[in-house]
Amino acid sequence: MNRSTAAEMNDQAFRQAIVPTARLFAEYLTRDAIAKKLGWDDLEFVFTDVDTASDPMEEAQIQQILLQAGVLTSVEEGVFDLSVSAI
């Protein structure tokens, strides 16, 4: 096994094990801790970096779609979300 194969297998294992577990945990926190215990039905707990696209081209396409749809109001807002320094 070379480094490239090992890195791909690591990414695949992360997507198959960690991502679903993080989603279940976030749903649990939203449903039981926030909604039931605190009574706040309008809040949702989410992990911000768990289910991100690993391909920079895919991330750029998503940002372009969000800009065209009016979800993001400026390119700087999209750059901030990607944790990339603005030019």
C-alpha atoms as a PDB file:
ATOM      1  CA  MET A   1       0.000   0.000   0.000  1.00  0.00           C
ATOM      2  CA  ASN A   2       1.428   3.382  -0.966  1.00  0.00           C
ATOM      3  CA  ARG A   3       0.727   6.811   0.551  1.00  0.00           C
ATOM      4  CA  SER A   4      -1.916   7.730  -1.990  1.00  0.00           C
ATOM      5  CA  THR A   5      -3.884   4.542  -1.390  1.00  0.00           C
ATOM      6  CA  ALA A   6      -3.533   4.894   2.372  1.00  0.00           C
ATOM      7  CA  ALA A   7      -4.768   8.487   2.285  1.00  0.00           C
ATOM      8  CA  GLU A   8      -7.771   7.525   0.164  1.00  0.00           C
ATOM      9  CA  MET A   9      -8.621   4.621   2.455  1.00  0.00           C
ATOM     10  CA  ASN A  10      -8.334   6.949   5.468  1.00  0.00           C
ATOM     11  CA  ASP A  11     -10.725   9.458   3.854  1.00  0.00           C
ATOM     12  CA  GLN A  12     -13.154   6.682   2.981  1.00  0.00           C
ATOM     13  CA  ALA A  13     -13.081   5.286   6.510  1.00  0.00           C
ATOM     14  CA  PHE A  14     -13.693   8.783   7.902  1.00  0.00           C
ATOM     15  CA  ARG A  15     -16.694   9.314   5.611  1.00  0.00           C
ATOM     16  CA  GLN A  16     -18.154   5.892   6.421  1.00  0.00           C
ATOM     17  CA  ALA A  17     -17.618   5.869  10.196  1.00  0.00           C
ATOM     18  CA  ILE A  18     -17.155   9.349  11.631  1.00  0.00           C
ATOM     19  CA  VAL A  19     -19.602  11.310   9.485  1.00  0.00           C
ATOM     20  CA  PRO A  20     -22.685   9.145  10.234  1.00  0.00           C
ATOM     21  CA  THR A  21     -21.777   9.010  13.935  1.00  0.00           C
ATOM     22  CA  ALA A  22     -21.364  12.787  14.065  1.00  0.00           C
ATOM     23  CA  ARG A  23     -24.744  13.252  12.366  1.00  0.00           C
ATOM     24  CA  LEU A  24     -26.452  10.971  14.881  1.00  0.00           C
ATOM     25  CA  PHE A  25     -24.783  12.761  17.770  1.00  0.00           C
ATOM     26  CA  ALA A  26     -25.779  16.177  16.396  1.00  0.00           C
ATOM     27  CA  GLU A  27     -29.379  14.999  15.945  1.00  0.00           C
ATOM     28  CA  TYR A  28     -29.381  13.685  19.504  1.00  0.00           C
ATOM     29  CA  LEU A  29     -28.068  16.971  20.905  1.00  0.00           C
ATOM     30  CA  THR A  30     -30.587  18.941  18.861  1.00  0.00           C
ATOM     31  CA  ARG A  31     -33.538  16.755  19.821  1.00  0.00           C
ATOM     32  CA  ASP A  32     -32.814  15.862  23.442  1.00  0.00           C
ATOM     33  CA  ALA A  33     -30.529  18.527  24.865  1.00  0.00           C
ATOM     34  CA  ILE A  34     -31.655  21.633  23.011  1.00  0.00           C
ATOM     35  CA  ALA A  35     -35.312  20.951  22.194  1.00  0.00           C
ATOM     36  CA  LYS A  36     -36.475  18.779  25.083  1.00  0.00           C
ATOM     37  CA  LYS A  37     -34.344  20.012  27.988  1.00  0.00           C
ATOM     38  CA  LEU A  38     -34.034  23.690  27.079  1.00  0.00           C
ATOM     39  CA  GLY A  39     -37.266  24.019  25.109  1.00  0.00           C
ATOM     40  CA  TRP A  40     -35.604  25.788  22.190  1.00  0.00           C
ATOM     41  CA  ASP A  41     -37.198  24.285  19.072  1.00  0.00           C
ATOM     42  CA  ASP A  42     -35.675  26.815  16.693  1.00  0.00           C
ATOM     43  CA  LEU A  43     -32.013  25.838  17.270  1.00  0.00           C
ATOM     44  CA  GLU A  44     -30.028  23.022  15.712  1.00  0.00           C
ATOM     45  CA  PHE A  45     -26.601  21.659  16.649  1.00  0.00           C
ATOM     46  CA  VAL A  46     -24.320  20.974  13.664  1.00  0.00           C
ATOM     47  CA  PHE A  47     -20.669  20.110  13.173  1.00  0.00           C
ATOM     48  CA  THR A  48     -19.213  22.554  10.655  1.00  0.00           C
ATOM     49  CA  ASP A  49     -16.234  20.615   9.257  1.00  0.00           C
ATOM     50  CA  VAL A  50     -17.389  17.010   9.403  1.00  0.00           C
ATOM     51  CA  ASP A  51     -19.143  16.616   6.079  1.00  0.00           C
ATOM     52  CA  THR A  52     -17.148  18.935   3.851  1.00  0.00           C
ATOM     53  CA  ALA A  53     -16.169  18.120   0.310  1.00  0.00           C
ATOM     54  CA  SER A  54     -12.534  17.117  -0.016  1.00  0.00           C
ATOM     55  CA  ASP A  55     -12.214  18.252  -3.628  1.00  0.00           C
ATOM     56  CA  PRO A  56     -11.402  21.980  -3.999  1.00  0.00           C
ATOM     57  CA  MET A  57     -13.142  22.082  -7.399  1.00  0.00           C
ATOM     58  CA  GLU A  58     -16.316  20.659  -5.858  1.00  0.00           C
ATOM     59  CA  GLU A  59     -16.153  23.239  -3.056  1.00  0.00           C
ATOM     60  CA  ALA A  60     -15.743  26.041  -5.611  1.00  0.00           C
ATOM     61  CA  GLN A  61     -18.761  24.780  -7.568  1.00  0.00           C
ATOM     62  CA  ILE A  62     -20.843  24.679  -4.385  1.00  0.00           C
ATOM     63  CA  GLN A  63     -19.816  28.262  -3.541  1.00  0.00           C
ATOM     64  CA  GLN A  64     -20.712  29.392  -7.075  1.00  0.00           C
ATOM     65  CA  ILE A  65     -24.158  27.799  -6.808  1.00  0.00           C
ATOM     66  CA  LEU A  66     -24.728  29.434  -3.410  1.00  0.00           C
ATOM     67  CA  LEU A  67     -23.696  32.839  -4.787  1.00  0.00           C
ATOM     68  CA  GLN A  68     -26.007  32.504  -7.807  1.00  0.00           C
ATOM     69  CA  ALA A  69     -28.895  31.418  -5.593  1.00  0.00           C
ATOM     70  CA  GLY A  70     -28.388  34.427  -3.330  1.00  0.00           C
ATOM     71  CA  VAL A  71     -27.578  32.334  -0.257  1.00  0.00           C
ATOM     72  CA  LEU A  72     -24.186  34.020  -0.010  1.00  0.00           C
ATOM     73  CA  THR A  73     -24.114  37.752  -0.576  1.00  0.00           C
ATOM     74  CA  SER A  74     -20.434  38.174  -1.448  1.00  0.00           C
ATOM     75  CA  VAL A  75     -17.380  36.232  -2.479  1.00  0.00           C
ATOM     76  CA  GLU A  76     -15.703  37.157   0.818  1.00  0.00           C
ATOM     77  CA  GLU A  77     -18.462  35.352   2.726  1.00  0.00           C
ATOM     78  CA  GLY A  78     -17.763  32.198   0.710  1.00  0.00           C
ATOM     79  CA  VAL A  79     -14.018  32.556   1.243  1.00  0.00           C
ATOM     80  CA  PHE A  80     -14.608  32.887   4.975  1.00  0.00           C
ATOM     81  CA  ASP A  81     -16.657  29.683   4.971  1.00  0.00           C
ATOM     82  CA  LEU A  82     -13.876  27.793   3.182  1.00  0.00           C
ATOM     83  CA  SER A  83     -11.251  29.017   5.669  1.00  0.00           C
ATOM     84  CA  VAL A  84      -9.139  30.381   2.849  1.00  0.00           C
ATOM     85  CA  SER A  85      -7.411  33.737   3.034  1.00  0.00           C
ATOM     86  CA  ALA A  86      -8.940  36.370   0.783  1.00  0.00           C
ATOM     87  CA  ILE A  87      -6.817  37.834  -2.010  1.00  0.00           C
END
